[in-house]
Amino acid sequence: MTAAQKLVLRGALADLEAVPPTWRGEIIDGTLYAFPRPRAPHARVKGSVQSDIDGPFDRGRGGPGGWWILPEPGIELPRAKELSPDVAGWRRERLPRLPVKGAIRVVPDWICEVLSRSTRGYDLVTKRNFYAQIGVSHLWYIEPLARTLTVSRLEGGQWLELGTHGEHEKVRAEPFEAIEIDIDAWFEGIESDDDDDDD
């Protein structure tokens, strides 16, 4: 497989374990999806988002608390043997404690996916539809090169887009509208017109 290829096949946990360490895999509805791990802009944005949300909502520092915020959590659901969003959050009334052993088996209340060239179609179609079907309440998509945040809320089984925000904006985005987030800081140091590397 080349670095730009994706691997899609009937998947079991043994197949997931065989995915190269430089790749990332998930199993949804019995199919293994595997892609090369994204590059620095993706990691930078993911870490910045987690940092902004974690303090006020997970730790209760400068915000209401009441959440678990985790990067790439191992989630196991009836239709997904392995699901690992970029960042996910659970309200603690739905998930009072994190499991010491094994995967989390509760659907997240919020998911954030950072789009990259290798996973864009998968994130926007396969995973977006799956997240709606399992009842994720809020979904964020971040485009590092376009420097945008798109916020959606699930209503009646369909995604309602609440807004798309660009760099230089400070936003109060559901479900974390209790705080103002300076999304411009997420994109510091990232070239907006880099066509050579995957993000």
Protein backbone atom coordinates (compact mmCIF):
# COMPACT_ATOMS: atom_id res chain seq x y z
CA MET A 1 0.00 0.00 0.00
CA THR A 2 1.26 3.46 -0.79
CA ALA A 3 1.12 6.29 1.73
CA ALA A 4 -1.87 7.82 -0.08
CA GLN A 5 -3.96 4.65 -0.23
CA LYS A 6 -6.80 3.78 2.05
CA LEU A 7 -7.56 0.21 3.06
CA VAL A 8 -11.21 -0.84 3.17
CA LEU A 9 -12.09 -4.49 3.77
CA ARG A 10 -14.21 -6.80 5.87
CA GLY A 11 -12.77 -6.25 9.30
CA ALA A 12 -12.21 -8.16 12.51
CA LEU A 13 -10.11 -7.10 15.49
CA ALA A 14 -7.28 -9.29 14.20
CA ASP A 15 -7.28 -7.27 10.97
CA LEU A 16 -7.11 -4.07 13.00
CA GLU A 17 -4.11 -5.34 14.92
CA ALA A 18 -2.37 -6.02 11.58
CA VAL A 19 -2.67 -2.36 10.49
CA PRO A 20 0.84 -0.85 10.26
CA PRO A 21 1.79 1.40 13.21
CA THR A 22 2.02 4.41 10.89
CA TRP A 23 -1.64 3.89 9.96
CA ARG A 24 -4.88 4.33 11.92
CA GLY A 25 -7.80 1.92 11.68
CA GLU A 26 -11.46 1.73 12.67
CA ILE A 27 -14.11 -0.96 12.22
CA ILE A 28 -17.67 0.17 11.43
CA ASP A 29 -20.44 -2.23 10.43
CA GLY A 30 -17.94 -5.03 9.93
CA THR A 31 -15.67 -3.05 7.59
CA LEU A 32 -12.11 -2.06 8.45
CA TYR A 33 -11.14 1.45 7.33
CA ALA A 34 -7.45 2.28 7.58
CA PHE A 35 -5.53 5.37 6.56
CA PRO A 36 -2.04 6.78 6.98
CA ARG A 37 -1.76 8.81 10.18
CA PRO A 38 -2.20 12.53 9.45
CA ARG A 39 0.62 15.06 9.54
CA ALA A 40 1.57 17.92 11.84
CA PRO A 41 -1.26 20.40 11.06
CA HIS A 42 -3.84 17.77 11.97
CA ALA A 43 -2.07 16.94 15.24
CA ARG A 44 -1.62 20.62 16.08
CA VAL A 45 -5.31 21.43 15.63
CA LYS A 46 -6.49 18.32 17.47
CA GLY A 47 -4.30 19.11 20.45
CA SER A 48 -5.41 22.75 20.52
CA VAL A 49 -9.10 21.84 20.45
CA GLN A 50 -8.68 19.34 23.25
CA SER A 51 -6.74 21.87 25.32
CA ASP A 52 -9.40 24.59 24.89
CA ILE A 53 -12.28 22.26 25.82
CA ASP A 54 -10.57 20.11 28.45
CA GLY A 55 -9.86 22.81 31.05
CA PRO A 56 -13.33 24.34 31.34
CA PHE A 57 -15.41 21.23 30.71
CA ASP A 58 -13.39 18.22 31.83
CA ARG A 59 -11.47 19.79 34.71
CA GLY A 60 -13.92 22.57 35.51
CA ARG A 61 -11.27 25.29 35.31
CA GLY A 62 -12.91 28.48 34.09
CA GLY A 63 -16.00 26.57 33.04
CA PRO A 64 -18.84 24.37 34.27
CA GLY A 65 -17.10 20.98 34.16
CA GLY A 66 -19.28 17.90 33.89
CA TRP A 67 -17.61 16.28 30.88
CA TRP A 68 -14.96 13.74 29.95
CA ILE A 69 -12.88 15.01 27.01
CA LEU A 70 -10.59 12.43 25.41
CA PRO A 71 -8.33 12.33 22.33
CA GLU A 72 -8.69 9.26 20.08
CA PRO A 73 -10.62 7.26 22.68
CA GLY A 74 -11.15 3.57 22.12
CA ILE A 75 -14.91 3.18 21.68
CA GLU A 76 -16.67 -0.15 21.15
CA LEU A 77 -20.32 -0.17 20.11
CA PRO A 78 -22.62 -2.88 18.73
CA ARG A 79 -21.96 -1.71 15.16
CA ALA A 80 -18.37 -0.59 15.69
CA LYS A 81 -15.72 -2.91 17.11
CA GLU A 82 -13.27 -0.03 17.14
CA LEU A 83 -14.09 3.65 16.79
CA SER A 84 -11.60 6.38 17.53
CA PRO A 85 -12.67 9.97 16.73
CA ASP A 86 -10.01 12.67 16.88
CA VAL A 87 -11.55 14.11 20.06
CA ALA A 88 -14.74 13.03 21.84
CA GLY A 89 -16.70 14.10 24.89
CA TRP A 90 -19.23 12.51 27.23
CA ARG A 91 -21.46 14.22 29.76
CA ARG A 92 -20.65 12.65 33.12
CA GLU A 93 -24.29 11.98 33.92
CA ARG A 94 -24.21 9.50 31.00
CA LEU A 95 -20.71 8.16 31.69
CA PRO A 96 -20.02 8.64 35.41
CA ARG A 97 -16.65 6.84 35.33
CA LEU A 98 -14.13 5.91 32.67
CA PRO A 99 -13.53 2.17 32.32
CA VAL A 100 -10.22 0.95 33.70
CA LYS A 101 -10.17 -2.03 31.35
CA GLY A 102 -11.52 -2.29 27.85
CA ALA A 103 -13.16 0.21 25.54
CA ILE A 104 -15.78 2.85 26.28
CA ARG A 105 -19.18 1.43 25.35
CA VAL A 106 -21.28 4.61 25.55
CA VAL A 107 -22.01 6.78 22.50
CA PRO A 108 -20.26 10.17 22.81
CA ASP A 109 -22.30 13.34 23.26
CA TRP A 110 -19.83 15.34 21.16
CA ILE A 111 -17.28 14.41 18.51
CA CYS A 112 -14.69 16.55 16.78
CA GLU A 113 -13.03 15.38 13.58
CA VAL A 114 -10.09 17.22 12.03
CA LEU A 115 -10.27 16.73 8.28
CA SER A 116 -7.23 15.64 6.31
CA ARG A 117 -6.81 14.76 2.67
CA SER A 118 -6.58 11.04 3.37
CA THR A 119 -9.70 10.85 5.57
CA ARG A 120 -11.92 13.66 4.28
CA GLY A 121 -14.41 11.52 2.36
CA TYR A 122 -14.56 8.92 5.11
CA ASP A 123 -15.16 11.56 7.80
CA LEU A 124 -17.74 13.54 5.83
CA VAL A 125 -19.77 10.59 4.52
CA THR A 126 -19.22 7.27 6.29
CA LYS A 127 -18.58 8.57 9.78
CA ARG A 128 -21.01 11.50 9.60
CA ASN A 129 -23.86 9.16 8.67
CA PHE A 130 -22.81 6.63 11.29
CA TYR A 131 -22.62 9.28 14.02
CA ALA A 132 -26.18 10.37 13.20
CA GLN A 133 -27.44 6.80 13.26
CA ILE A 134 -25.97 6.06 16.70
CA GLY A 135 -27.18 9.36 18.19
CA VAL A 136 -24.12 11.56 18.70
CA SER A 137 -25.63 14.91 19.76
CA HIS A 138 -23.04 17.36 18.40
CA LEU A 139 -20.43 17.08 15.67
CA TRP A 140 -17.59 19.46 14.85
CA TYR A 141 -15.53 19.38 11.66
CA ILE A 142 -12.31 21.37 11.47
CA GLU A 143 -10.44 22.06 8.23
CA PRO A 144 -6.83 23.02 9.10
CA LEU A 145 -5.90 24.35 5.65
CA ALA A 146 -9.19 26.22 5.11
CA ARG A 147 -9.03 27.31 8.78
CA THR A 148 -12.70 26.66 9.45
CA LEU A 149 -14.89 25.09 12.13
CA THR A 150 -18.31 23.69 11.20
CA VAL A 151 -20.70 22.94 14.06
CA SER A 152 -23.72 20.62 13.74
CA ARG A 153 -26.41 19.39 16.10
CA LEU A 154 -28.43 16.21 15.65
CA GLU A 155 -32.18 16.86 15.38
CA GLY A 156 -34.66 14.14 14.45
CA GLY A 157 -31.86 11.89 13.26
CA GLN A 158 -30.53 14.53 10.83
CA TRP A 159 -27.64 16.96 11.14
CA LEU A 160 -28.60 20.61 11.51
CA GLU A 161 -25.66 22.83 10.62
CA LEU A 162 -25.44 25.62 13.19
CA GLY A 163 -22.67 27.56 11.49
CA THR A 164 -19.26 27.60 9.87
CA HIS A 165 -16.66 29.83 11.46
CA GLY A 166 -13.37 31.07 10.05
CA GLU A 167 -10.04 32.20 11.40
CA HIS A 168 -9.96 35.44 13.38
CA GLU A 169 -13.32 34.52 14.93
CA LYS A 170 -14.14 33.99 18.57
CA VAL A 171 -17.09 31.66 18.92
CA ARG A 172 -19.46 30.11 21.42
CA ALA A 173 -20.10 26.77 19.80
CA GLU A 174 -22.56 24.13 21.00
CA PRO A 175 -22.35 22.18 23.19
CA PHE A 176 -19.60 24.30 24.75
CA GLU A 177 -21.22 27.71 24.35
CA ALA A 178 -20.54 28.49 28.02
CA ILE A 179 -17.08 29.69 26.98
CA GLU A 180 -15.71 31.79 24.13
CA ILE A 181 -13.12 30.04 21.98
CA ASP A 182 -10.54 31.87 19.89
CA ILE A 183 -10.31 29.47 16.97
CA ASP A 184 -7.59 31.54 15.30
CA ALA A 185 -5.14 30.12 17.84
CA TRP A 186 -5.78 26.60 16.55
CA PHE A 187 -4.19 27.46 13.22
CA GLU A 188 -1.05 29.29 14.39
CA GLY A 189 1.97 28.15 12.42
CA ILE A 190 -0.02 26.21 9.82
CA GLU A 191 0.41 27.15 6.18
CA SER A 192 -2.95 27.68 4.53
CA ASP A 193 -1.75 26.93 0.99
CA ASP A 194 0.51 23.91 1.53
CA ASP A 195 -0.15 21.48 -1.31
CA ASP A 196 2.78 19.17 -0.71
CA ASP A 197 2.04 17.37 2.57
CA ASP A 198 -1.01 15.67 3.95
CA ASP A 199 -2.60 17.52 6.85
